[in-house]
Amino acid sequence: MRGKALITGGAGFIGSHLVDRLLKEGWAVRVVDNFSSGRYSNLAHHRDNPMLEIIRGDLKDAETSMRVVEGVDVVFHYAANPEVRVSTTNPDIHFNENVVATFNLLEAMRKKDIRKLVFASSSSVYGEPEKIPVSENAPIKPVSVYGASKAACESLIHAYSKLYGIKSVVLRYANVVGPRLRHGIIYDIIQKLRKNPRRLEVLGDGTQVRSYIYITDAIEATMLTFKNMNDYFEVYNIGNEDWITVDEVVNVIIKVMGLSNVEIIHKPIAHGVGWPGDVKRIALSIEKLKSLGFKPRMNSIESVKEAAKHVANEP
């Protein structure tokens, strides 16, 4: 056995794929999830694996945080509310689910002397950069409460790393896509087309630019950064080498679903974005990640296509 890993949010999209990888590599894995967005079905294939422990619990409760870190060697902190648009109507959700939960987890790690942390941050911490791709030393100027909450978590982690010797790796993910995906543009577009395959409403003017990375590539990058953990605090962008528009994503999904003659209605607000807090252009430089030997196997279009095939066939 390699050791014991705690994965917070381990029943979610990225978290459950991380469970798969760590179990495959011989780790004992403890999952804690409040199942607000995570699903038991994401872990059902490990039902009889004695190396996996699943705890239904909420990190917003300090006692739960203390209990779940007991006896682990490393914490992969992936628990968060993943819906960026929630912050326009219910900003308190992101504060509580992201900032409060992270503080409680860090306090538990400090008190229980757990010294390794991998944190799932987001490209949203950069806000609307002047040019793309952005490197890890670009200004942190979030334009959504979700992005601000992730930036706040990063600052807390930096302080705890400096003060209490917790070695930390912060991973700023671009749009990660693949099987078990239950939020974001691919999932949303597929759900809309299932309801009405003739007419599709697209948020924004369709020219918004994003980078997409397939889940297997994202997990490979995650493990690579974890295994190369050296300094007390390190930040990596996790993304692809290219970027595409929302309209390109939509066209790929329409083709994957075998549809034609779909009427596309764009719904932009100011500057052509889809909602308050949305950004027009964001893509990440992954030169630092590539210096560890990383190379994505799929580009953005291939990632979207493969993910759409899976999501379209999932119930």
C-alpha atoms as a PDB file:
ATOM      1  CA  MET A   1       0.000   0.000   0.000  1.00  0.00           C
ATOM      2  CA  ARG A   2       1.336   3.437  -0.998  1.00  0.00           C
ATOM      3  CA  GLY A   3      -0.372   5.164   1.932  1.00  0.00           C
ATOM      4  CA  LYS A   4      -3.780   6.643   2.691  1.00  0.00           C
ATOM      5  CA  ALA A   5      -5.201   9.555   0.714  1.00  0.00           C
ATOM      6  CA  LEU A   6      -8.218  11.676   1.617  1.00  0.00           C
ATOM      7  CA  ILE A   7     -10.168  12.997  -1.365  1.00  0.00           C
ATOM      8  CA  THR A   8     -12.690  15.662  -0.439  1.00  0.00           C
ATOM      9  CA  GLY A   9     -15.464  15.857  -3.025  1.00  0.00           C
ATOM     10  CA  GLY A  10     -14.396  12.390  -4.144  1.00  0.00           C
ATOM     11  CA  ALA A  11     -17.838  11.512  -5.487  1.00  0.00           C
ATOM     12  CA  GLY A  12     -17.748  14.443  -7.905  1.00  0.00           C
ATOM     13  CA  PHE A  13     -16.538  14.579 -11.491  1.00  0.00           C
ATOM     14  CA  ILE A  14     -12.769  15.089 -11.159  1.00  0.00           C
ATOM     15  CA  GLY A  15     -12.664  13.651  -7.650  1.00  0.00           C
ATOM     16  CA  SER A  16     -14.132  10.278  -8.644  1.00  0.00           C
ATOM     17  CA  HIS A  17     -11.640   9.906 -11.511  1.00  0.00           C
ATOM     18  CA  LEU A  18      -8.882  10.688  -9.031  1.00  0.00           C
ATOM     19  CA  VAL A  19     -10.240   7.906  -6.803  1.00  0.00           C
ATOM     20  CA  ASP A  20      -9.930   5.519  -9.757  1.00  0.00           C
ATOM     21  CA  ARG A  21      -6.306   6.484 -10.348  1.00  0.00           C
ATOM     22  CA  LEU A  22      -5.155   6.366  -6.726  1.00  0.00           C
ATOM     23  CA  LEU A  23      -6.776   2.981  -6.112  1.00  0.00           C
ATOM     24  CA  LYS A  24      -5.143   1.684  -9.296  1.00  0.00           C
ATOM     25  CA  GLU A  25      -1.754   2.866  -7.997  1.00  0.00           C
ATOM     26  CA  GLY A  26      -2.217   1.028  -4.707  1.00  0.00           C
ATOM     27  CA  TRP A  27      -3.364   3.800  -2.378  1.00  0.00           C
ATOM     28  CA  ALA A  28      -5.973   3.348   0.310  1.00  0.00           C
ATOM     29  CA  VAL A  29      -8.553   6.077  -0.329  1.00  0.00           C
ATOM     30  CA  ARG A  30     -10.998   7.811   2.000  1.00  0.00           C
ATOM     31  CA  VAL A  31     -13.668   9.900   0.300  1.00  0.00           C
ATOM     32  CA  VAL A  32     -15.655  12.591   2.090  1.00  0.00           C
ATOM     33  CA  ASP A  33     -18.512  14.184   0.184  1.00  0.00           C
ATOM     34  CA  ASN A  34     -21.732  15.935   1.191  1.00  0.00           C
ATOM     35  CA  PHE A  35     -23.327  14.725  -2.066  1.00  0.00           C
ATOM     36  CA  SER A  36     -24.719  18.135  -2.960  1.00  0.00           C
ATOM     37  CA  SER A  37     -23.313  17.598  -6.455  1.00  0.00           C
ATOM     38  CA  GLY A  38     -21.334  14.367  -6.062  1.00  0.00           C
ATOM     39  CA  ARG A  39     -23.015  11.034  -6.844  1.00  0.00           C
ATOM     40  CA  TYR A  40     -22.686   7.551  -5.361  1.00  0.00           C
ATOM     41  CA  SER A  41     -22.947   6.143  -8.884  1.00  0.00           C
ATOM     42  CA  ASN A  42     -19.560   7.705  -9.710  1.00  0.00           C
ATOM     43  CA  LEU A  43     -17.963   5.307  -7.227  1.00  0.00           C
ATOM     44  CA  ALA A  44     -20.303   2.317  -7.586  1.00  0.00           C
ATOM     45  CA  HIS A  45     -17.733   0.277  -9.535  1.00  0.00           C
ATOM     46  CA  HIS A  46     -15.538   0.259  -6.394  1.00  0.00           C
ATOM     47  CA  ARG A  47     -18.354  -0.958  -4.153  1.00  0.00           C
ATOM     48  CA  ASP A  48     -16.511  -4.116  -3.041  1.00  0.00           C
ATOM     49  CA  ASN A  49     -13.033  -2.621  -2.848  1.00  0.00           C
ATOM     50  CA  PRO A  50     -11.784  -2.765   0.772  1.00  0.00           C
ATOM     51  CA  MET A  51      -9.242  -0.034  -0.020  1.00  0.00           C
ATOM     52  CA  LEU A  52     -12.023   2.551  -0.431  1.00  0.00           C
ATOM     53  CA  GLU A  53     -13.862   4.217   2.456  1.00  0.00           C
ATOM     54  CA  ILE A  54     -16.754   6.590   1.710  1.00  0.00           C
ATOM     55  CA  ILE A  55     -17.935   9.078   4.334  1.00  0.00           C
ATOM     56  CA  ARG A  56     -20.994  11.233   3.877  1.00  0.00           C
ATOM     57  CA  GLY A  57     -19.943  14.425   5.582  1.00  0.00           C
ATOM     58  CA  ASP A  58     -19.654  18.175   5.201  1.00  0.00           C
ATOM     59  CA  LEU A  59     -16.412  20.090   5.646  1.00  0.00           C
ATOM     60  CA  LYS A  60     -18.387  23.160   6.718  1.00  0.00           C
ATOM     61  CA  ASP A  61     -18.644  21.269  10.009  1.00  0.00           C
ATOM     62  CA  ALA A  62     -15.310  21.605  11.835  1.00  0.00           C
ATOM     63  CA  GLU A  63     -15.712  18.314  13.726  1.00  0.00           C
ATOM     64  CA  THR A  64     -16.268  16.424  10.467  1.00  0.00           C
ATOM     65  CA  SER A  65     -13.096  17.964   9.044  1.00  0.00           C
ATOM     66  CA  MET A  66     -11.141  16.826  12.107  1.00  0.00           C
ATOM     67  CA  ARG A  67     -12.527  13.305  11.833  1.00  0.00           C
ATOM     68  CA  VAL A  68     -11.872  12.727   8.143  1.00  0.00           C
ATOM     69  CA  VAL A  69      -8.189  13.803   8.137  1.00  0.00           C
ATOM     70  CA  GLU A  70      -7.321  11.351  10.896  1.00  0.00           C
ATOM     71  CA  GLY A  71      -4.554   8.978   9.796  1.00  0.00           C
ATOM     72  CA  VAL A  72      -4.128  10.154   6.201  1.00  0.00           C
ATOM     73  CA  ASP A  73      -0.838  10.897   4.444  1.00  0.00           C
ATOM     74  CA  VAL A  74      -2.097  13.375   1.852  1.00  0.00           C
ATOM     75  CA  VAL A  75      -5.261  15.401   1.226  1.00  0.00           C
ATOM     76  CA  PHE A  76      -6.635  16.023  -2.258  1.00  0.00           C
ATOM     77  CA  HIS A  77      -9.098  18.876  -1.709  1.00  0.00           C
ATOM     78  CA  TYR A  78     -11.701  18.795  -4.506  1.00  0.00           C
ATOM     79  CA  ALA A  79     -14.862  19.603  -2.541  1.00  0.00           C
ATOM     80  CA  ALA A  80     -16.507  22.776  -3.881  1.00  0.00           C
ATOM     81  CA  ASN A  81     -19.667  24.025  -5.515  1.00  0.00           C
ATOM     82  CA  PRO A  82     -18.778  23.743  -9.226  1.00  0.00           C
ATOM     83  CA  GLU A  83     -21.464  26.036 -10.672  1.00  0.00           C
ATOM     84  CA  VAL A  84     -19.840  29.383 -11.462  1.00  0.00           C
ATOM     85  CA  ARG A  85     -23.215  30.975 -12.294  1.00  0.00           C
ATOM     86  CA  VAL A  86     -24.505  30.323  -8.756  1.00  0.00           C
ATOM     87  CA  SER A  87     -22.374  33.214  -7.548  1.00  0.00           C
ATOM     88  CA  THR A  88     -24.541  35.736  -9.419  1.00  0.00           C
ATOM     89  CA  THR A  89     -27.591  34.846  -7.325  1.00  0.00           C
ATOM     90  CA  ASN A  90     -26.306  33.060  -4.217  1.00  0.00           C
ATOM     91  CA  PRO A  91     -22.752  34.239  -3.467  1.00  0.00           C
ATOM     92  CA  ASP A  92     -22.949  32.845   0.061  1.00  0.00           C
ATOM     93  CA  ILE A  93     -22.940  29.305  -1.380  1.00  0.00           C
ATOM     94  CA  HIS A  94     -19.460  29.750  -2.801  1.00  0.00           C
ATOM     95  CA  PHE A  95     -18.194  31.433   0.349  1.00  0.00           C
ATOM     96  CA  ASN A  96     -19.424  28.598   2.554  1.00  0.00           C
ATOM     97  CA  GLU A  97     -18.762  25.625   0.271  1.00  0.00           C
ATOM     98  CA  ASN A  98     -15.333  26.849  -0.800  1.00  0.00           C
ATOM     99  CA  VAL A  99     -13.798  29.250   1.729  1.00  0.00           C
ATOM    100  CA  VAL A 100     -15.303  28.019   5.014  1.00  0.00           C
ATOM    101  CA  ALA A 101     -14.824  24.366   4.069  1.00  0.00           C
ATOM    102  CA  THR A 102     -11.183  24.993   3.087  1.00  0.00           C
ATOM    103  CA  PHE A 103     -10.449  26.867   6.314  1.00  0.00           C
ATOM    104  CA  ASN A 104     -11.910  24.027   8.397  1.00  0.00           C
ATOM    105  CA  LEU A 105      -9.891  21.477   6.449  1.00  0.00           C
ATOM    106  CA  LEU A 106      -6.642  23.431   6.874  1.00  0.00           C
ATOM    107  CA  GLU A 107      -7.267  23.800  10.601  1.00  0.00           C
ATOM    108  CA  ALA A 108      -7.858  20.058  10.880  1.00  0.00           C
ATOM    109  CA  MET A 109      -4.651  19.365   8.953  1.00  0.00           C
ATOM    110  CA  ARG A 110      -2.722  21.725  11.220  1.00  0.00           C
ATOM    111  CA  LYS A 111      -4.050  20.147  14.393  1.00  0.00           C
ATOM    112  CA  LYS A 112      -3.572  16.576  13.161  1.00  0.00           C
ATOM    113  CA  ASP A 113      -0.159  17.334  11.633  1.00  0.00           C
ATOM    114  CA  ILE A 114      -1.081  16.327   8.062  1.00  0.00           C
ATOM    115  CA  ARG A 115       1.618  17.850   5.845  1.00  0.00           C
ATOM    116  CA  LYS A 116       0.635  17.302   2.183  1.00  0.00           C
ATOM    117  CA  LEU A 117      -2.181  19.005   0.264  1.00  0.00           C
ATOM    118  CA  VAL A 118      -3.244  19.089  -3.390  1.00  0.00           C
ATOM    119  CA  PHE A 119      -5.896  21.747  -4.044  1.00  0.00           C
ATOM    120  CA  ALA A 120      -8.250  22.008  -7.012  1.00  0.00           C
ATOM    121  CA  SER A 121      -8.326  25.681  -7.932  1.00  0.00           C
ATOM    122  CA  SER A 122      -9.583  27.180 -11.177  1.00  0.00           C
ATOM    123  CA  SER A 123      -8.653  29.339 -14.163  1.00  0.00           C
ATOM    124  CA  SER A 124     -11.424  31.659 -12.928  1.00  0.00           C
ATOM    125  CA  VAL A 125      -8.957  33.214 -10.446  1.00  0.00           C
ATOM    126  CA  TYR A 126      -7.423  35.108 -13.398  1.00  0.00           C
ATOM    127  CA  GLY A 127     -10.709  36.792 -14.319  1.00  0.00           C
ATOM    128  CA  GLU A 128     -10.579  38.487 -17.729  1.00  0.00           C
ATOM    129  CA  PRO A 129      -6.875  38.542 -18.713  1.00  0.00           C
ATOM    130  CA  GLU A 130      -5.551  41.119 -21.177  1.00  0.00           C
ATOM    131  CA  LYS A 131      -4.043  38.398 -23.352  1.00  0.00           C
ATOM    132  CA  ILE A 132      -3.993  34.608 -23.517  1.00  0.00           C
ATOM    133  CA  PRO A 133      -2.583  32.182 -22.635  1.00  0.00           C
ATOM    134  CA  VAL A 134      -1.933  33.283 -19.043  1.00  0.00           C
ATOM    135  CA  SER A 135       0.937  31.941 -16.967  1.00  0.00           C
ATOM    136  CA  GLU A 136       0.889  31.155 -13.258  1.00  0.00           C
ATOM    137  CA  ASN A 137       2.410  34.548 -12.403  1.00  0.00           C
ATOM    138  CA  ALA A 138      -0.398  36.512 -14.114  1.00  0.00           C
ATOM    139  CA  PRO A 139      -2.425  38.893 -11.889  1.00  0.00           C
ATOM    140  CA  ILE A 140      -5.200  37.335  -9.807  1.00  0.00           C
ATOM    141  CA  LYS A 141      -8.272  39.446 -10.648  1.00  0.00           C
ATOM    142  CA  PRO A 142     -11.413  37.272 -10.443  1.00  0.00           C
ATOM    143  CA  VAL A 143     -14.684  38.651 -11.826  1.00  0.00           C
ATOM    144  CA  SER A 144     -16.979  36.035 -10.245  1.00  0.00           C
ATOM    145  CA  VAL A 145     -17.550  35.158  -6.603  1.00  0.00           C
ATOM    146  CA  TYR A 146     -16.615  31.592  -7.525  1.00  0.00           C
ATOM    147  CA  GLY A 147     -13.236  32.782  -8.800  1.00  0.00           C
ATOM    148  CA  ALA A 148     -12.809  35.035  -5.778  1.00  0.00           C
ATOM    149  CA  SER A 149     -13.575  32.148  -3.420  1.00  0.00           C
ATOM    150  CA  LYS A 150     -10.940  29.978  -5.121  1.00  0.00           C
ATOM    151  CA  ALA A 151      -8.416  32.816  -4.891  1.00  0.00           C
ATOM    152  CA  ALA A 152      -9.235  33.214  -1.189  1.00  0.00           C
ATOM    153  CA  CYS A 153      -8.651  29.487  -0.678  1.00  0.00           C
ATOM    154  CA  GLU A 154      -5.290  29.760  -2.415  1.00  0.00           C
ATOM    155  CA  SER A 155      -4.283  32.594  -0.065  1.00  0.00           C
ATOM    156  CA  LEU A 156      -5.305  30.587   2.992  1.00  0.00           C
ATOM    157  CA  ILE A 157      -3.334  27.594   1.753  1.00  0.00           C
ATOM    158  CA  HIS A 158      -0.276  29.764   1.116  1.00  0.00           C
ATOM    159  CA  ALA A 159      -0.408  31.132   4.655  1.00  0.00           C
ATOM    160  CA  TYR A 160      -0.859  27.679   6.216  1.00  0.00           C
ATOM    161  CA  SER A 161       1.990  26.338   4.098  1.00  0.00           C
ATOM    162  CA  LYS A 162       4.297  29.145   5.216  1.00  0.00           C
ATOM    163  CA  LEU A 163       3.264  29.119   8.875  1.00  0.00           C
ATOM    164  CA  TYR A 164       2.681  25.445   9.583  1.00  0.00           C
ATOM    165  CA  GLY A 165       4.818  23.553   7.078  1.00  0.00           C
ATOM    166  CA  ILE A 166       2.016  22.098   4.975  1.00  0.00           C
ATOM    167  CA  LYS A 167       3.453  21.246   1.547  1.00  0.00           C
ATOM    168  CA  SER A 168       0.861  22.358  -0.994  1.00  0.00           C
ATOM    169  CA  VAL A 169       0.260  22.096  -4.715  1.00  0.00           C
ATOM    170  CA  VAL A 170      -2.411  24.424  -6.139  1.00  0.00           C
ATOM    171  CA  LEU A 171      -3.822  23.323  -9.507  1.00  0.00           C
ATOM    172  CA  ARG A 172      -5.622  25.925 -11.613  1.00  0.00           C
ATOM    173  CA  TYR A 173      -7.759  23.811 -13.923  1.00  0.00           C
ATOM    174  CA  ALA A 174      -9.119  24.939 -17.270  1.00  0.00           C
ATOM    175  CA  ASN A 175     -12.383  23.313 -18.457  1.00  0.00           C
ATOM    176  CA  VAL A 176     -12.011  19.623 -17.607  1.00  0.00           C
ATOM    177  CA  VAL A 177     -14.390  17.386 -19.569  1.00  0.00           C
ATOM    178  CA  GLY A 178     -15.204  13.699 -19.873  1.00  0.00           C
ATOM    179  CA  PRO A 179     -17.417  10.897 -18.493  1.00  0.00           C
ATOM    180  CA  ARG A 180     -19.481  11.718 -15.340  1.00  0.00           C
ATOM    181  CA  LEU A 181     -19.545  15.413 -16.238  1.00  0.00           C
ATOM    182  CA  ARG A 182     -22.708  17.000 -14.778  1.00  0.00           C
ATOM    183  CA  HIS A 183     -22.170  20.747 -15.248  1.00  0.00           C
ATOM    184  CA  GLY A 184     -20.710  23.212 -17.724  1.00  0.00           C
ATOM    185  CA  ILE A 185     -21.335  23.921 -21.393  1.00  0.00           C
ATOM    186  CA  ILE A 186     -21.182  20.352 -22.767  1.00  0.00           C
ATOM    187  CA  TYR A 187     -23.644  18.994 -20.222  1.00  0.00           C
ATOM    188  CA  ASP A 188     -25.933  22.033 -20.523  1.00  0.00           C
ATOM    189  CA  ILE A 189     -26.015  21.988 -24.346  1.00  0.00           C
ATOM    190  CA  ILE A 190     -26.762  18.253 -24.439  1.00  0.00           C
ATOM    191  CA  GLN A 191     -29.611  18.648 -21.953  1.00  0.00           C
ATOM    192  CA  LYS A 192     -31.093  21.505 -24.009  1.00  0.00           C
ATOM    193  CA  LEU A 193     -30.865  19.530 -27.256  1.00  0.00           C
ATOM    194  CA  ARG A 194     -32.495  16.509 -25.631  1.00  0.00           C
ATOM    195  CA  LYS A 195     -35.462  18.706 -24.767  1.00  0.00           C
ATOM    196  CA  ASN A 196     -35.570  20.468 -28.133  1.00  0.00           C
ATOM    197  CA  PRO A 197     -33.342  19.116 -30.946  1.00  0.00           C
ATOM    198  CA  ARG A 198     -34.542  21.836 -33.341  1.00  0.00           C
ATOM    199  CA  ARG A 199     -33.789  25.017 -31.425  1.00  0.00           C
ATOM    200  CA  LEU A 200     -30.837  25.781 -29.157  1.00  0.00           C
ATOM    201  CA  GLU A 201     -30.311  28.813 -26.956  1.00  0.00           C
ATOM    202  CA  VAL A 202     -26.613  29.557 -26.395  1.00  0.00           C
ATOM    203  CA  LEU A 203     -25.552  31.930 -23.610  1.00  0.00           C
ATOM    204  CA  GLY A 204     -23.244  34.623 -24.985  1.00  0.00           C
ATOM    205  CA  ASP A 205     -22.472  35.556 -28.582  1.00  0.00           C
ATOM    206  CA  GLY A 206     -20.692  32.268 -29.303  1.00  0.00           C
ATOM    207  CA  THR A 207     -17.245  33.795 -29.751  1.00  0.00           C
ATOM    208  CA  GLN A 208     -16.167  33.277 -26.131  1.00  0.00           C
ATOM    209  CA  VAL A 209     -12.826  31.461 -26.064  1.00  0.00           C
ATOM    210  CA  ARG A 210     -11.964  28.546 -23.770  1.00  0.00           C
ATOM    211  CA  SER A 211      -9.473  25.707 -23.458  1.00  0.00           C
ATOM    212  CA  TYR A 212     -10.697  22.159 -22.778  1.00  0.00           C
ATOM    213  CA  ILE A 213      -8.721  19.266 -21.311  1.00  0.00           C
ATOM    214  CA  TYR A 214      -9.924  15.664 -21.215  1.00  0.00           C
ATOM    215  CA  ILE A 215     -10.286  14.076 -17.791  1.00  0.00           C
ATOM    216  CA  THR A 216      -7.590  11.416 -18.344  1.00  0.00           C
ATOM    217  CA  ASP A 217      -5.108  14.147 -19.296  1.00  0.00           C
ATOM    218  CA  ALA A 218      -6.165  16.234 -16.281  1.00  0.00           C
ATOM    219  CA  ILE A 219      -5.662  13.290 -13.896  1.00  0.00           C
ATOM    220  CA  GLU A 220      -2.281  12.531 -15.467  1.00  0.00           C
ATOM    221  CA  ALA A 221      -1.244  16.154 -14.893  1.00  0.00           C
ATOM    222  CA  THR A 222      -2.576  16.040 -11.336  1.00  0.00           C
ATOM    223  CA  MET A 223      -0.562  12.956 -10.447  1.00  0.00           C
ATOM    224  CA  LEU A 224       2.549  14.374 -12.109  1.00  0.00           C
ATOM    225  CA  THR A 225       2.425  17.545 -10.014  1.00  0.00           C
ATOM    226  CA  PHE A 226       1.720  15.544  -6.855  1.00  0.00           C
ATOM    227  CA  LYS A 227       4.680  13.218  -7.441  1.00  0.00           C
ATOM    228  CA  ASN A 228       6.916  16.232  -8.080  1.00  0.00           C
ATOM    229  CA  MET A 229       5.851  18.042  -4.919  1.00  0.00           C
ATOM    230  CA  ASN A 230       8.969  19.711  -3.543  1.00  0.00           C
ATOM    231  CA  ASP A 231       8.488  23.277  -2.332  1.00  0.00           C
ATOM    232  CA  TYR A 232       6.177  24.386   0.457  1.00  0.00           C
ATOM    233  CA  PHE A 233       3.759  25.996  -2.036  1.00  0.00           C
ATOM    234  CA  GLU A 234       3.583  25.478  -5.786  1.00  0.00           C
ATOM    235  CA  VAL A 235       1.052  26.546  -8.422  1.00  0.00           C
ATOM    236  CA  TYR A 236       0.408  24.857 -11.784  1.00  0.00           C
ATOM    237  CA  ASN A 237      -1.981  25.620 -14.613  1.00  0.00           C
ATOM    238  CA  ILE A 238      -3.749  22.459 -15.810  1.00  0.00           C
ATOM    239  CA  GLY A 239      -5.052  22.968 -19.331  1.00  0.00           C
ATOM    240  CA  ASN A 240      -4.456  22.330 -23.006  1.00  0.00           C
ATOM    241  CA  GLU A 241      -2.138  23.801 -25.619  1.00  0.00           C
ATOM    242  CA  ASP A 242      -4.941  25.339 -27.700  1.00  0.00           C
ATOM    243  CA  TRP A 243      -8.338  27.025 -27.322  1.00  0.00           C
ATOM    244  CA  ILE A 244     -11.653  27.118 -29.188  1.00  0.00           C
ATOM    245  CA  THR A 245     -14.874  29.146 -29.282  1.00  0.00           C
ATOM    246  CA  VAL A 246     -18.240  28.323 -27.764  1.00  0.00           C
ATOM    247  CA  ASP A 247     -19.725  28.039 -31.276  1.00  0.00           C
ATOM    248  CA  GLU A 248     -17.112  25.400 -32.136  1.00  0.00           C
ATOM    249  CA  VAL A 249     -18.102  23.455 -29.029  1.00  0.00           C
ATOM    250  CA  VAL A 250     -21.781  23.700 -29.991  1.00  0.00           C
ATOM    251  CA  ASN A 251     -21.113  22.459 -33.529  1.00  0.00           C
ATOM    252  CA  VAL A 252     -19.150  19.462 -32.253  1.00  0.00           C
ATOM    253  CA  ILE A 253     -21.972  18.505 -29.872  1.00  0.00           C
ATOM    254  CA  ILE A 254     -24.620  18.828 -32.602  1.00  0.00           C
ATOM    255  CA  LYS A 255     -22.592  16.491 -34.843  1.00  0.00           C
ATOM    256  CA  VAL A 256     -21.976  13.979 -32.046  1.00  0.00           C
ATOM    257  CA  MET A 257     -25.740  13.835 -31.369  1.00  0.00           C
ATOM    258  CA  GLY A 258     -26.441  13.294 -35.070  1.00  0.00           C
ATOM    259  CA  LEU A 259     -28.581  16.410 -35.392  1.00  0.00           C
ATOM    260  CA  SER A 260     -28.912  18.860 -38.282  1.00  0.00           C
ATOM    261  CA  ASN A 261     -30.743  22.093 -39.088  1.00  0.00           C
ATOM    262  CA  VAL A 262     -30.613  23.212 -35.457  1.00  0.00           C
ATOM    263  CA  GLU A 263     -31.619  26.842 -35.063  1.00  0.00           C
ATOM    264  CA  ILE A 264     -29.055  28.509 -32.789  1.00  0.00           C
ATOM    265  CA  ILE A 265     -30.147  31.556 -30.811  1.00  0.00           C
ATOM    266  CA  HIS A 266     -27.360  33.490 -29.092  1.00  0.00           C
ATOM    267  CA  LYS A 267     -28.184  35.256 -25.820  1.00  0.00           C
ATOM    268  CA  PRO A 268     -25.333  37.687 -25.076  1.00  0.00           C
ATOM    269  CA  ILE A 269     -25.170  40.328 -22.394  1.00  0.00           C
ATOM    270  CA  ALA A 270     -22.516  43.087 -22.188  1.00  0.00           C
ATOM    271  CA  HIS A 271     -19.339  42.374 -24.201  1.00  0.00           C
ATOM    272  CA  GLY A 272     -20.853  39.181 -25.639  1.00  0.00           C
ATOM    273  CA  VAL A 273     -20.551  37.053 -22.500  1.00  0.00           C
ATOM    274  CA  GLY A 274     -23.267  34.726 -21.266  1.00  0.00           C
ATOM    275  CA  TRP A 275     -23.912  35.899 -17.697  1.00  0.00           C
ATOM    276  CA  PRO A 276     -22.500  38.286 -15.067  1.00  0.00           C
ATOM    277  CA  GLY A 277     -19.093  36.937 -14.041  1.00  0.00           C
ATOM    278  CA  ASP A 278     -18.541  35.114 -17.344  1.00  0.00           C
ATOM    279  CA  VAL A 279     -15.335  35.980 -19.208  1.00  0.00           C
ATOM    280  CA  LYS A 280     -14.850  36.501 -22.932  1.00  0.00           C
ATOM    281  CA  ARG A 281     -11.438  34.866 -23.329  1.00  0.00           C
ATOM    282  CA  ILE A 282      -9.463  32.582 -21.026  1.00  0.00           C
ATOM    283  CA  ALA A 283      -6.773  30.017 -21.784  1.00  0.00           C
ATOM    284  CA  LEU A 284      -3.833  28.828 -19.728  1.00  0.00           C
ATOM    285  CA  SER A 285      -0.140  28.552 -20.468  1.00  0.00           C
ATOM    286  CA  ILE A 286       1.009  25.069 -19.458  1.00  0.00           C
ATOM    287  CA  GLU A 287       4.739  25.576 -20.014  1.00  0.00           C
ATOM    288  CA  LYS A 288       5.467  25.006 -16.319  1.00  0.00           C
ATOM    289  CA  LEU A 289       3.476  21.760 -16.375  1.00  0.00           C
ATOM    290  CA  LYS A 290       5.215  20.661 -19.581  1.00  0.00           C
ATOM    291  CA  SER A 291       8.566  21.147 -17.839  1.00  0.00           C
ATOM    292  CA  LEU A 292       7.615  18.113 -15.722  1.00  0.00           C
ATOM    293  CA  GLY A 293       7.167  16.052 -18.897  1.00  0.00           C
ATOM    294  CA  PHE A 294       3.435  16.546 -19.428  1.00  0.00           C
ATOM    295  CA  LYS A 295       1.905  16.441 -22.896  1.00  0.00           C
ATOM    296  CA  PRO A 296      -1.890  16.330 -23.393  1.00  0.00           C
ATOM    297  CA  ARG A 297      -3.016  13.437 -25.568  1.00  0.00           C
ATOM    298  CA  MET A 298      -6.086  15.248 -26.881  1.00  0.00           C
ATOM    299  CA  ASN A 299      -6.490  18.842 -28.046  1.00  0.00           C
ATOM    300  CA  SER A 300      -9.536  20.936 -27.125  1.00  0.00           C
ATOM    301  CA  ILE A 301     -11.758  19.821 -30.027  1.00  0.00           C
ATOM    302  CA  GLU A 302     -10.904  16.154 -29.483  1.00  0.00           C
ATOM    303  CA  SER A 303     -11.559  16.516 -25.757  1.00  0.00           C
ATOM    304  CA  VAL A 304     -14.981  18.088 -26.345  1.00  0.00           C
ATOM    305  CA  LYS A 305     -15.916  15.456 -28.936  1.00  0.00           C
ATOM    306  CA  GLU A 306     -14.945  12.515 -26.725  1.00  0.00           C
ATOM    307  CA  ALA A 307     -16.645  14.032 -23.684  1.00  0.00           C
ATOM    308  CA  ALA A 308     -19.840  14.749 -25.652  1.00  0.00           C
ATOM    309  CA  LYS A 309     -20.013  11.118 -26.780  1.00  0.00           C
ATOM    310  CA  HIS A 310     -19.925   9.942 -23.162  1.00  0.00           C
ATOM    311  CA  VAL A 311     -22.264  12.569 -21.721  1.00  0.00           C
ATOM    312  CA  ALA A 312     -24.823  12.088 -24.533  1.00  0.00           C
ATOM    313  CA  ASN A 313     -25.010   8.374 -23.692  1.00  0.00           C
ATOM    314  CA  GLU A 314     -25.165   8.765 -19.920  1.00  0.00           C
ATOM    315  CA  PRO A 315     -28.573   8.793 -18.206  1.00  0.00           C
END
